[in-house]
């Protein structure tokens, strides 16, 4: 959202998108690990 709000600031826009990708990767790795621990981390749709 911050990257979208600050498109006019290239450093903010691009770095924020890169950092968001890191957090998405972390969330996926956490979800995979949680599955192996018998925990379902899938969010409710919507």
ModelCIF file with pLDDT and N, C-alpha, C, O atoms, coordinates in Angstrom:
data_MODEL
#
_entry.id   MODEL 
#
_entity.id                         1 
_entity.type                       polymer 
_entity.pdbx_number_of_molecules   1 
#
_entity_poly.entity_id                      1 
_entity_poly.type                           'polypeptide(L)' 
_entity_poly.nstd_linkage                   no 
_entity_poly.nstd_monomer                   no 
_entity_poly.pdbx_seq_one_letter_code       
;(UNK)(UNK)(UNK)(UNK)(UNK)(UNK)(UNK)(UNK)(UNK)(UNK)(UNK)(UNK)(UNK)(UNK)(UNK)(UNK)
(UNK)(UNK)(UNK)(UNK)(UNK)(UNK)(UNK)(UNK)(UNK)(UNK)(UNK)(UNK)(UNK)(UNK)(UNK)(UNK)
(UNK)(UNK)(UNK)(UNK)(UNK)(UNK)(UNK)(UNK)(UNK)(UNK)(UNK)(UNK)(UNK)(UNK)
;
_entity_poly.pdbx_seq_one_letter_code_can   XXXXXXXXXXXXXXXXXXXXXXXXXXXXXXXXXXXXXXXXXXXXXX 
_entity_poly.pdbx_strand_id                 A 
#
loop_
_entity_poly_seq.entity_id 
_entity_poly_seq.num 
_entity_poly_seq.mon_id 
_entity_poly_seq.hetero 
1 1  UNK n 
1 2  UNK n 
1 3  UNK n 
1 4  UNK n 
1 5  UNK n 
1 6  UNK n 
1 7  UNK n 
1 8  UNK n 
1 9  UNK n 
1 10 UNK n 
1 11 UNK n 
1 12 UNK n 
1 13 UNK n 
1 14 UNK n 
1 15 UNK n 
1 16 UNK n 
1 17 UNK n 
1 18 UNK n 
1 19 UNK n 
1 20 UNK n 
1 21 UNK n 
1 22 UNK n 
1 23 UNK n 
1 24 UNK n 
1 25 UNK n 
1 26 UNK n 
1 27 UNK n 
1 28 UNK n 
1 29 UNK n 
1 30 UNK n 
1 31 UNK n 
1 32 UNK n 
1 33 UNK n 
1 34 UNK n 
1 35 UNK n 
1 36 UNK n 
1 37 UNK n 
1 38 UNK n 
1 39 UNK n 
1 40 UNK n 
1 41 UNK n 
1 42 UNK n 
1 43 UNK n 
1 44 UNK n 
1 45 UNK n 
1 46 UNK n 
#
_struct_asym.id          A 
_struct_asym.entity_id   1 
#
loop_
_ma_qa_metric.id 
_ma_qa_metric.mode 
_ma_qa_metric.name 
_ma_qa_metric.software_group_id 
_ma_qa_metric.type 
1 global pLDDT . pLDDT 
2 local  pLDDT . pLDDT 
#
_ma_qa_metric_global.metric_id      1 
_ma_qa_metric_global.metric_value   90.78 
_ma_qa_metric_global.model_id       1 
_ma_qa_metric_global.ordinal_id     1 
#
loop_
_ma_qa_metric_local.label_asym_id 
_ma_qa_metric_local.label_comp_id 
_ma_qa_metric_local.label_seq_id 
_ma_qa_metric_local.metric_id 
_ma_qa_metric_local.metric_value 
_ma_qa_metric_local.model_id 
_ma_qa_metric_local.ordinal_id 
A UNK 1  2 97.00 1 1  
A UNK 2  2 98.00 1 2  
A UNK 3  2 98.00 1 3  
A UNK 4  2 97.00 1 4  
A UNK 5  2 96.00 1 5  
A UNK 6  2 97.00 1 6  
A UNK 7  2 96.00 1 7  
A UNK 8  2 95.00 1 8  
A UNK 9  2 95.00 1 9  
A UNK 10 2 95.00 1 10 
A UNK 11 2 95.00 1 11 
A UNK 12 2 97.00 1 12 
A UNK 13 2 98.00 1 13 
A UNK 14 2 98.00 1 14 
A UNK 15 2 98.00 1 15 
A UNK 16 2 98.00 1 16 
A UNK 17 2 98.00 1 17 
A UNK 18 2 98.00 1 18 
A UNK 19 2 98.00 1 19 
A UNK 20 2 98.00 1 20 
A UNK 21 2 98.00 1 21 
A UNK 22 2 98.00 1 22 
A UNK 23 2 98.00 1 23 
A UNK 24 2 98.00 1 24 
A UNK 25 2 98.00 1 25 
A UNK 26 2 98.00 1 26 
A UNK 27 2 97.00 1 27 
A UNK 28 2 96.00 1 28 
A UNK 29 2 97.00 1 29 
A UNK 30 2 97.00 1 30 
A UNK 31 2 95.00 1 31 
A UNK 32 2 95.00 1 32 
A UNK 33 2 95.00 1 33 
A UNK 34 2 94.00 1 34 
A UNK 35 2 92.00 1 35 
A UNK 36 2 88.00 1 36 
A UNK 37 2 87.00 1 37 
A UNK 38 2 89.00 1 38 
A UNK 39 2 91.00 1 39 
A UNK 40 2 90.00 1 40 
A UNK 41 2 89.00 1 41 
A UNK 42 2 78.00 1 42 
A UNK 43 2 59.00 1 43 
A UNK 44 2 41.00 1 44 
A UNK 45 2 39.00 1 45 
A UNK 46 2 39.00 1 46 
#
loop_
_atom_site.group_PDB 
_atom_site.id 
_atom_site.type_symbol 
_atom_site.label_atom_id 
_atom_site.label_alt_id 
_atom_site.label_comp_id 
_atom_site.label_asym_id 
_atom_site.label_entity_id 
_atom_site.label_seq_id 
_atom_site.pdbx_PDB_ins_code 
_atom_site.Cartn_x 
_atom_site.Cartn_y 
_atom_site.Cartn_z 
_atom_site.occupancy 
_atom_site.B_iso_or_equiv 
_atom_site.pdbx_formal_charge 
_atom_site.auth_seq_id 
_atom_site.auth_comp_id 
_atom_site.auth_asym_id 
_atom_site.auth_atom_id 
_atom_site.pdbx_PDB_model_num 
ATOM 1   N N  . UNK A 1 1  ? 0.833   -1.210  0.000  1.00 97.00 ? 1  UNK A N  1 
ATOM 2   C CA . UNK A 1 1  ? 0.000   0.000   0.000  1.00 97.00 ? 1  UNK A CA 1 
ATOM 3   C C  . UNK A 1 1  ? 0.868   1.262   0.000  1.00 97.00 ? 1  UNK A C  1 
ATOM 4   O O  . UNK A 1 1  ? 0.576   2.218   -0.717 1.00 97.00 ? 1  UNK A O  1 
ATOM 5   N N  . UNK A 1 2  ? 1.924   1.261   0.797  1.00 98.00 ? 2  UNK A N  1 
ATOM 6   C CA . UNK A 1 2  ? 2.834   2.413   0.851  1.00 98.00 ? 2  UNK A CA 1 
ATOM 7   C C  . UNK A 1 2  ? 3.513   2.602   -0.507 1.00 98.00 ? 2  UNK A C  1 
ATOM 8   O O  . UNK A 1 2  ? 3.656   3.732   -0.976 1.00 98.00 ? 2  UNK A O  1 
ATOM 9   N N  . UNK A 1 3  ? 3.926   1.523   -1.129 1.00 98.00 ? 3  UNK A N  1 
ATOM 10  C CA . UNK A 1 3  ? 4.542   1.613   -2.456 1.00 98.00 ? 3  UNK A CA 1 
ATOM 11  C C  . UNK A 1 3  ? 3.572   2.252   -3.442 1.00 98.00 ? 3  UNK A C  1 
ATOM 12  O O  . UNK A 1 3  ? 3.969   3.078   -4.264 1.00 98.00 ? 3  UNK A O  1 
ATOM 13  N N  . UNK A 1 4  ? 2.318   1.874   -3.359 1.00 97.00 ? 4  UNK A N  1 
ATOM 14  C CA . UNK A 1 4  ? 1.317   2.453   -4.252 1.00 97.00 ? 4  UNK A CA 1 
ATOM 15  C C  . UNK A 1 4  ? 1.045   3.924   -3.972 1.00 97.00 ? 4  UNK A C  1 
ATOM 16  O O  . UNK A 1 4  ? 0.863   4.715   -4.897 1.00 97.00 ? 4  UNK A O  1 
ATOM 17  N N  . UNK A 1 5  ? 1.017   4.288   -2.692 1.00 96.00 ? 5  UNK A N  1 
ATOM 18  C CA . UNK A 1 5  ? 0.755   5.693   -2.328 1.00 96.00 ? 5  UNK A CA 1 
ATOM 19  C C  . UNK A 1 5  ? 1.910   6.608   -2.697 1.00 96.00 ? 5  UNK A C  1 
ATOM 20  O O  . UNK A 1 5  ? 1.708   7.802   -2.915 1.00 96.00 ? 5  UNK A O  1 
ATOM 21  N N  . UNK A 1 6  ? 3.117   6.063   -2.770 1.00 97.00 ? 6  UNK A N  1 
ATOM 22  C CA . UNK A 1 6  ? 4.295   6.906   -2.983 1.00 97.00 ? 6  UNK A CA 1 
ATOM 23  C C  . UNK A 1 6  ? 5.027   6.513   -4.264 1.00 97.00 ? 6  UNK A C  1 
ATOM 24  O O  . UNK A 1 6  ? 6.252   6.389   -4.281 1.00 97.00 ? 6  UNK A O  1 
ATOM 25  N N  . UNK A 1 7  ? 4.260   6.320   -5.331 1.00 96.00 ? 7  UNK A N  1 
ATOM 26  C CA . UNK A 1 7  ? 4.843   5.962   -6.633 1.00 96.00 ? 7  UNK A CA 1 
ATOM 27  C C  . UNK A 1 7  ? 5.816   7.029   -7.137 1.00 96.00 ? 7  UNK A C  1 
ATOM 28  O O  . UNK A 1 7  ? 6.773   6.721   -7.847 1.00 96.00 ? 7  UNK A O  1 
ATOM 29  N N  . UNK A 1 8  ? 5.561   8.274   -6.766 1.00 95.00 ? 8  UNK A N  1 
ATOM 30  C CA . UNK A 1 8  ? 6.410   9.379   -7.232 1.00 95.00 ? 8  UNK A CA 1 
ATOM 31  C C  . UNK A 1 8  ? 7.792   9.354   -6.591 1.00 95.00 ? 8  UNK A C  1 
ATOM 32  O O  . UNK A 1 8  ? 8.704   10.032  -7.064 1.00 95.00 ? 8  UNK A O  1 
ATOM 33  N N  . UNK A 1 9  ? 7.953   8.591   -5.536 1.00 95.00 ? 9  UNK A N  1 
ATOM 34  C CA . UNK A 1 9  ? 9.251   8.448   -4.861 1.00 95.00 ? 9  UNK A CA 1 
ATOM 35  C C  . UNK A 1 9  ? 9.822   7.080   -5.238 1.00 95.00 ? 9  UNK A C  1 
ATOM 36  O O  . UNK A 1 9  ? 9.508   6.084   -4.588 1.00 95.00 ? 9  UNK A O  1 
ATOM 37  N N  . UNK A 1 10 ? 10.659  7.018   -6.282 1.00 95.00 ? 10 UNK A N  1 
ATOM 38  C CA . UNK A 1 10 ? 11.113  5.716   -6.784 1.00 95.00 ? 10 UNK A CA 1 
ATOM 39  C C  . UNK A 1 10 ? 11.765  4.829   -5.725 1.00 95.00 ? 10 UNK A C  1 
ATOM 40  O O  . UNK A 1 10 ? 11.507  3.625   -5.692 1.00 95.00 ? 10 UNK A O  1 
ATOM 41  N N  . UNK A 1 11 ? 12.599  5.397   -4.863 1.00 95.00 ? 11 UNK A N  1 
ATOM 42  C CA . UNK A 1 11 ? 13.254  4.561   -3.865 1.00 95.00 ? 11 UNK A CA 1 
ATOM 43  C C  . UNK A 1 11 ? 12.236  3.944   -2.914 1.00 95.00 ? 11 UNK A C  1 
ATOM 44  O O  . UNK A 1 11 ? 12.328  2.763   -2.577 1.00 95.00 ? 11 UNK A O  1 
ATOM 45  N N  . UNK A 1 12 ? 11.280  4.735   -2.489 1.00 97.00 ? 12 UNK A N  1 
ATOM 46  C CA . UNK A 1 12 ? 10.242  4.235   -1.583 1.00 97.00 ? 12 UNK A CA 1 
ATOM 47  C C  . UNK A 1 12 ? 9.430   3.161   -2.301 1.00 97.00 ? 12 UNK A C  1 
ATOM 48  O O  . UNK A 1 12 ? 9.223   2.067   -1.776 1.00 97.00 ? 12 UNK A O  1 
ATOM 49  N N  . UNK A 1 13 ? 8.979   3.488   -3.498 1.00 98.00 ? 13 UNK A N  1 
ATOM 50  C CA . UNK A 1 13 ? 8.107   2.578   -4.248 1.00 98.00 ? 13 UNK A CA 1 
ATOM 51  C C  . UNK A 1 13 ? 8.776   1.215   -4.478 1.00 98.00 ? 13 UNK A C  1 
ATOM 52  O O  . UNK A 1 13 ? 8.210   0.174   -4.142 1.00 98.00 ? 13 UNK A O  1 
ATOM 53  N N  . UNK A 1 14 ? 9.967   1.232   -5.043 1.00 98.00 ? 14 UNK A N  1 
ATOM 54  C CA . UNK A 1 14 ? 10.615  -0.027  -5.418 1.00 98.00 ? 14 UNK A CA 1 
ATOM 55  C C  . UNK A 1 14 ? 11.105  -0.825  -4.212 1.00 98.00 ? 14 UNK A C  1 
ATOM 56  O O  . UNK A 1 14 ? 10.948  -2.045  -4.160 1.00 98.00 ? 14 UNK A O  1 
ATOM 57  N N  . UNK A 1 15 ? 11.694  -0.134  -3.254 1.00 98.00 ? 15 UNK A N  1 
ATOM 58  C CA . UNK A 1 15 ? 12.198  -0.860  -2.080 1.00 98.00 ? 15 UNK A CA 1 
ATOM 59  C C  . UNK A 1 15 ? 11.030  -1.437  -1.280 1.00 98.00 ? 15 UNK A C  1 
ATOM 60  O O  . UNK A 1 15 ? 11.109  -2.572  -0.809 1.00 98.00 ? 15 UNK A O  1 
ATOM 61  N N  . UNK A 1 16 ? 9.959   -0.678  -1.123 1.00 98.00 ? 16 UNK A N  1 
ATOM 62  C CA . UNK A 1 16 ? 8.796   -1.177  -0.380 1.00 98.00 ? 16 UNK A CA 1 
ATOM 63  C C  . UNK A 1 16 ? 8.225   -2.430  -1.046 1.00 98.00 ? 16 UNK A C  1 
ATOM 64  O O  . UNK A 1 16 ? 7.828   -3.370  -0.358 1.00 98.00 ? 16 UNK A O  1 
ATOM 65  N N  . UNK A 1 17 ? 8.182   -2.447  -2.365 1.00 98.00 ? 17 UNK A N  1 
ATOM 66  C CA . UNK A 1 17 ? 7.692   -3.648  -3.060 1.00 98.00 ? 17 UNK A CA 1 
ATOM 67  C C  . UNK A 1 17 ? 8.624   -4.833  -2.829 1.00 98.00 ? 17 UNK A C  1 
ATOM 68  O O  . UNK A 1 17 ? 8.162   -5.956  -2.624 1.00 98.00 ? 17 UNK A O  1 
ATOM 69  N N  . UNK A 1 18 ? 9.932   -4.590  -2.861 1.00 98.00 ? 18 UNK A N  1 
ATOM 70  C CA . UNK A 1 18 ? 10.889  -5.672  -2.587 1.00 98.00 ? 18 UNK A CA 1 
ATOM 71  C C  . UNK A 1 18 ? 10.713  -6.207  -1.170 1.00 98.00 ? 18 UNK A C  1 
ATOM 72  O O  . UNK A 1 18 ? 10.702  -7.419  -0.957 1.00 98.00 ? 18 UNK A O  1 
ATOM 73  N N  . UNK A 1 19 ? 10.576  -5.300  -0.203 1.00 98.00 ? 19 UNK A N  1 
ATOM 74  C CA . UNK A 1 19 ? 10.417  -5.715  1.192  1.00 98.00 ? 19 UNK A CA 1 
ATOM 75  C C  . UNK A 1 19 ? 9.097   -6.452  1.404  1.00 98.00 ? 19 UNK A C  1 
ATOM 76  O O  . UNK A 1 19 ? 9.026   -7.374  2.217  1.00 98.00 ? 19 UNK A O  1 
ATOM 77  N N  . UNK A 1 20 ? 8.063   -6.056  0.685  1.00 98.00 ? 20 UNK A N  1 
ATOM 78  C CA . UNK A 1 20 ? 6.781   -6.761  0.765  1.00 98.00 ? 20 UNK A CA 1 
ATOM 79  C C  . UNK A 1 20 ? 6.946   -8.200  0.290  1.00 98.00 ? 20 UNK A C  1 
ATOM 80  O O  . UNK A 1 20 ? 6.347   -9.118  0.851  1.00 98.00 ? 20 UNK A O  1 
ATOM 81  N N  . UNK A 1 21 ? 7.755   -8.391  -0.739 1.00 98.00 ? 21 UNK A N  1 
ATOM 82  C CA . UNK A 1 21 ? 8.017   -9.740  -1.227 1.00 98.00 ? 21 UNK A CA 1 
ATOM 83  C C  . UNK A 1 21 ? 8.701   -10.598 -0.175 1.00 98.00 ? 21 UNK A C  1 
ATOM 84  O O  . UNK A 1 21 ? 8.423   -11.792 -0.063 1.00 98.00 ? 21 UNK A O  1 
ATOM 85  N N  . UNK A 1 22 ? 9.596   -9.989  0.594  1.00 98.00 ? 22 UNK A N  1 
ATOM 86  C CA . UNK A 1 22 ? 10.240  -10.734 1.682  1.00 98.00 ? 22 UNK A CA 1 
ATOM 87  C C  . UNK A 1 22 ? 9.208   -11.195 2.695  1.00 98.00 ? 22 UNK A C  1 
ATOM 88  O O  . UNK A 1 22 ? 9.224   -12.345 3.132  1.00 98.00 ? 22 UNK A O  1 
ATOM 89  N N  . UNK A 1 23 ? 8.307   -10.288 3.066  1.00 98.00 ? 23 UNK A N  1 
ATOM 90  C CA . UNK A 1 23 ? 7.292   -10.656 4.066  1.00 98.00 ? 23 UNK A CA 1 
ATOM 91  C C  . UNK A 1 23 ? 6.337   -11.712 3.537  1.00 98.00 ? 23 UNK A C  1 
ATOM 92  O O  . UNK A 1 23 ? 5.917   -12.596 4.284  1.00 98.00 ? 23 UNK A O  1 
ATOM 93  N N  . UNK A 1 24 ? 5.987   -11.631 2.251  1.00 98.00 ? 24 UNK A N  1 
ATOM 94  C CA . UNK A 1 24 ? 5.135   -12.680 1.666  1.00 98.00 ? 24 UNK A CA 1 
ATOM 95  C C  . UNK A 1 24 ? 5.853   -14.029 1.702  1.00 98.00 ? 24 UNK A C  1 
ATOM 96  O O  . UNK A 1 24 ? 5.243   -15.054 2.004  1.00 98.00 ? 24 UNK A O  1 
ATOM 97  N N  . UNK A 1 25 ? 7.147   -14.023 1.395  1.00 98.00 ? 25 UNK A N  1 
ATOM 98  C CA . UNK A 1 25 ? 7.921   -15.267 1.449  1.00 98.00 ? 25 UNK A CA 1 
ATOM 99  C C  . UNK A 1 25 ? 7.965   -15.802 2.882  1.00 98.00 ? 25 UNK A C  1 
ATOM 100 O O  . UNK A 1 25 ? 7.823   -17.005 3.098  1.00 98.00 ? 25 UNK A O  1 
ATOM 101 N N  . UNK A 1 26 ? 8.160   -14.918 3.856  1.00 98.00 ? 26 UNK A N  1 
ATOM 102 C CA . UNK A 1 26 ? 8.162   -15.346 5.259  1.00 98.00 ? 26 UNK A CA 1 
ATOM 103 C C  . UNK A 1 26 ? 6.828   -15.982 5.630  1.00 98.00 ? 26 UNK A C  1 
ATOM 104 O O  . UNK A 1 26 ? 6.788   -17.029 6.277  1.00 98.00 ? 26 UNK A O  1 
ATOM 105 N N  . UNK A 1 27 ? 5.733   -15.338 5.214  1.00 97.00 ? 27 UNK A N  1 
ATOM 106 C CA . UNK A 1 27 ? 4.402   -15.867 5.531  1.00 97.00 ? 27 UNK A CA 1 
ATOM 107 C C  . UNK A 1 27 ? 4.220   -17.258 4.926  1.00 97.00 ? 27 UNK A C  1 
ATOM 108 O O  . UNK A 1 27 ? 3.650   -18.143 5.564  1.00 97.00 ? 27 UNK A O  1 
ATOM 109 N N  . UNK A 1 28 ? 4.697   -17.448 3.710  1.00 96.00 ? 28 UNK A N  1 
ATOM 110 C CA . UNK A 1 28 ? 4.573   -18.760 3.069  1.00 96.00 ? 28 UNK A CA 1 
ATOM 111 C C  . UNK A 1 28 ? 5.408   -19.807 3.805  1.00 96.00 ? 28 UNK A C  1 
ATOM 112 O O  . UNK A 1 28 ? 4.953   -20.929 4.024  1.00 96.00 ? 28 UNK A O  1 
ATOM 113 N N  . UNK A 1 29 ? 6.617   -19.439 4.181  1.00 97.00 ? 29 UNK A N  1 
ATOM 114 C CA . UNK A 1 29 ? 7.466   -20.383 4.908  1.00 97.00 ? 29 UNK A CA 1 
ATOM 115 C C  . UNK A 1 29 ? 6.877   -20.717 6.275  1.00 97.00 ? 29 UNK A C  1 
ATOM 116 O O  . UNK A 1 29 ? 6.965   -21.856 6.735  1.00 97.00 ? 29 UNK A O  1 
ATOM 117 N N  . UNK A 1 30 ? 6.281   -19.725 6.918  1.00 97.00 ? 30 UNK A N  1 
ATOM 118 C CA . UNK A 1 30 ? 5.620   -19.976 8.206  1.00 97.00 ? 30 UNK A CA 1 
ATOM 119 C C  . UNK A 1 30 ? 4.440   -20.920 8.024  1.00 97.00 ? 30 UNK A C  1 
ATOM 120 O O  . UNK A 1 30 ? 4.225   -21.828 8.827  1.00 97.00 ? 30 UNK A O  1 
ATOM 121 N N  . UNK A 1 31 ? 3.683   -20.695 6.961  1.00 95.00 ? 31 UNK A N  1 
ATOM 122 C CA . UNK A 1 31 ? 2.530   -21.554 6.679  1.00 95.00 ? 31 UNK A CA 1 
ATOM 123 C C  . UNK A 1 31 ? 2.977   -22.988 6.432  1.00 95.00 ? 31 UNK A C  1 
ATOM 124 O O  . UNK A 1 31 ? 2.359   -23.926 6.936  1.00 95.00 ? 31 UNK A O  1 
ATOM 125 N N  . UNK A 1 32 ? 4.034   -23.164 5.667  1.00 95.00 ? 32 UNK A N  1 
ATOM 126 C CA . UNK A 1 32 ? 4.551   -24.506 5.400  1.00 95.00 ? 32 UNK A CA 1 
ATOM 127 C C  . UNK A 1 32 ? 5.016   -25.179 6.688  1.00 95.00 ? 32 UNK A C  1 
ATOM 128 O O  . UNK A 1 32 ? 4.744   -26.359 6.910  1.00 95.00 ? 32 UNK A O  1 
ATOM 129 N N  . UNK A 1 33 ? 5.708   -24.436 7.522  1.00 95.00 ? 33 UNK A N  1 
ATOM 130 C CA . UNK A 1 33 ? 6.194   -24.982 8.796  1.00 95.00 ? 33 UNK A CA 1 
ATOM 131 C C  . UNK A 1 33 ? 5.019   -25.313 9.715  1.00 95.00 ? 33 UNK A C  1 
ATOM 132 O O  . UNK A 1 33 ? 5.016   -26.350 10.378 1.00 95.00 ? 33 UNK A O  1 
ATOM 133 N N  . UNK A 1 34 ? 4.029   -24.435 9.752  1.00 94.00 ? 34 UNK A N  1 
ATOM 134 C CA . UNK A 1 34 ? 2.863   -24.667 10.601 1.00 94.00 ? 34 UNK A CA 1 
ATOM 135 C C  . UNK A 1 34 ? 2.121   -25.932 10.178 1.00 94.00 ? 34 UNK A C  1 
ATOM 136 O O  . UNK A 1 34 ? 1.637   -26.679 11.027 1.00 94.00 ? 34 UNK A O  1 
ATOM 137 N N  . UNK A 1 35 ? 2.029   -26.176 8.868  1.00 92.00 ? 35 UNK A N  1 
ATOM 138 C CA . UNK A 1 35 ? 1.391   -27.401 8.378  1.00 92.00 ? 35 UNK A CA 1 
ATOM 139 C C  . UNK A 1 35 ? 2.065   -28.633 8.969  1.00 92.00 ? 35 UNK A C  1 
ATOM 140 O O  . UNK A 1 35 ? 1.395   -29.594 9.349  1.00 92.00 ? 35 UNK A O  1 
ATOM 141 N N  . UNK A 1 36 ? 3.388   -28.601 9.045  1.00 88.00 ? 36 UNK A N  1 
ATOM 142 C CA . UNK A 1 36 ? 4.122   -29.741 9.598  1.00 88.00 ? 36 UNK A CA 1 
ATOM 143 C C  . UNK A 1 36 ? 3.927   -29.865 11.108 1.00 88.00 ? 36 UNK A C  1 
ATOM 144 O O  . UNK A 1 36 ? 4.190   -30.917 11.691 1.00 88.00 ? 36 UNK A O  1 
ATOM 145 N N  . UNK A 1 37 ? 3.462   -28.782 11.735 1.00 87.00 ? 37 UNK A N  1 
ATOM 146 C CA . UNK A 1 37 ? 3.164   -28.815 13.171 1.00 87.00 ? 37 UNK A CA 1 
ATOM 147 C C  . UNK A 1 37 ? 1.665   -29.039 13.429 1.00 87.00 ? 37 UNK A C  1 
ATOM 148 O O  . UNK A 1 37 ? 1.207   -28.946 14.567 1.00 87.00 ? 37 UNK A O  1 
ATOM 149 N N  . UNK A 1 38 ? 0.909   -29.335 12.364 1.00 89.00 ? 38 UNK A N  1 
ATOM 150 C CA . UNK A 1 38 ? -0.518  -29.596 12.514 1.00 89.00 ? 38 UNK A CA 1 
ATOM 151 C C  . UNK A 1 38 ? -1.350  -28.338 12.700 1.00 89.00 ? 38 UNK A C  1 
ATOM 152 O O  . UNK A 1 38 ? -2.459  -28.405 13.231 1.00 89.00 ? 38 UNK A O  1 
ATOM 153 N N  . UNK A 1 39 ? -0.837  -27.198 12.275 1.00 91.00 ? 39 UNK A N  1 
ATOM 154 C CA . UNK A 1 39 ? -1.533  -25.918 12.419 1.00 91.00 ? 39 UNK A CA 1 
ATOM 155 C C  . UNK A 1 39 ? -1.874  -25.379 11.048 1.00 91.00 ? 39 UNK A C  1 
ATOM 156 O O  . UNK A 1 39 ? -1.004  -25.299 10.181 1.00 91.00 ? 39 UNK A O  1 
ATOM 157 N N  . UNK A 1 40 ? -3.123  -25.010 10.837 1.00 90.00 ? 40 UNK A N  1 
ATOM 158 C CA . UNK A 1 40 ? -3.573  -24.457 9.565  1.00 90.00 ? 40 UNK A CA 1 
ATOM 159 C C  . UNK A 1 40 ? -3.600  -22.938 9.672  1.00 90.00 ? 40 UNK A C  1 
ATOM 160 O O  . UNK A 1 40 ? -4.382  -22.387 10.446 1.00 90.00 ? 40 UNK A O  1 
ATOM 161 N N  . UNK A 1 41 ? -2.757  -22.259 8.908  1.00 89.00 ? 41 UNK A N  1 
ATOM 162 C CA . UNK A 1 41 ? -2.679  -20.801 8.960  1.00 89.00 ? 41 UNK A CA 1 
ATOM 163 C C  . UNK A 1 41 ? -3.401  -20.125 7.797  1.00 89.00 ? 41 UNK A C  1 
ATOM 164 O O  . UNK A 1 41 ? -3.305  -18.909 7.632  1.00 89.00 ? 41 UNK A O  1 
ATOM 165 N N  . UNK A 1 42 ? -4.111  -20.890 7.005  1.00 78.00 ? 42 UNK A N  1 
ATOM 166 C CA . UNK A 1 42 ? -4.838  -20.252 5.906  1.00 78.00 ? 42 UNK A CA 1 
ATOM 167 C C  . UNK A 1 42 ? -5.875  -19.297 6.479  1.00 78.00 ? 42 UNK A C  1 
ATOM 168 O O  . UNK A 1 42 ? -6.610  -19.625 7.411  1.00 78.00 ? 42 UNK A O  1 
ATOM 169 N N  . UNK A 1 43 ? -5.912  -18.094 5.887  1.00 59.00 ? 43 UNK A N  1 
ATOM 170 C CA . UNK A 1 43 ? -6.867  -17.076 6.328  1.00 59.00 ? 43 UNK A CA 1 
ATOM 171 C C  . UNK A 1 43 ? -8.246  -17.363 5.754  1.00 59.00 ? 43 UNK A C  1 
ATOM 172 O O  . UNK A 1 43 ? -8.397  -18.084 4.768  1.00 59.00 ? 43 UNK A O  1 
ATOM 173 N N  . UNK A 1 44 ? -9.232  -16.784 6.392  1.00 41.00 ? 44 UNK A N  1 
ATOM 174 C CA . UNK A 1 44 ? -10.577 -16.859 5.850  1.00 41.00 ? 44 UNK A CA 1 
ATOM 175 C C  . UNK A 1 44 ? -10.611 -16.090 4.541  1.00 41.00 ? 44 UNK A C  1 
ATOM 176 O O  . UNK A 1 44 ? -9.950  -15.061 4.403  1.00 41.00 ? 44 UNK A O  1 
ATOM 177 N N  . UNK A 1 45 ? -11.377 -16.584 3.587  1.00 39.00 ? 45 UNK A N  1 
ATOM 178 C CA . UNK A 1 45 ? -11.490 -15.895 2.303  1.00 39.00 ? 45 UNK A CA 1 
ATOM 179 C C  . UNK A 1 45 ? -12.045 -14.501 2.539  1.00 39.00 ? 45 UNK A C  1 
ATOM 180 O O  . UNK A 1 45 ? -12.988 -14.314 3.307  1.00 39.00 ? 45 UNK A O  1 
ATOM 181 N N  . UNK A 1 46 ? -11.454 -13.539 1.875  1.00 39.00 ? 46 UNK A N  1 
ATOM 182 C CA . UNK A 1 46 ? -11.962 -12.174 1.960  1.00 39.00 ? 46 UNK A CA 1 
ATOM 183 C C  . UNK A 1 46 ? -11.271 -11.311 2.998  1.00 39.00 ? 46 UNK A C  1 
ATOM 184 O O  . UNK A 1 46 ? -11.618 -10.141 3.158  1.00 39.00 ? 46 UNK A O  1 
#
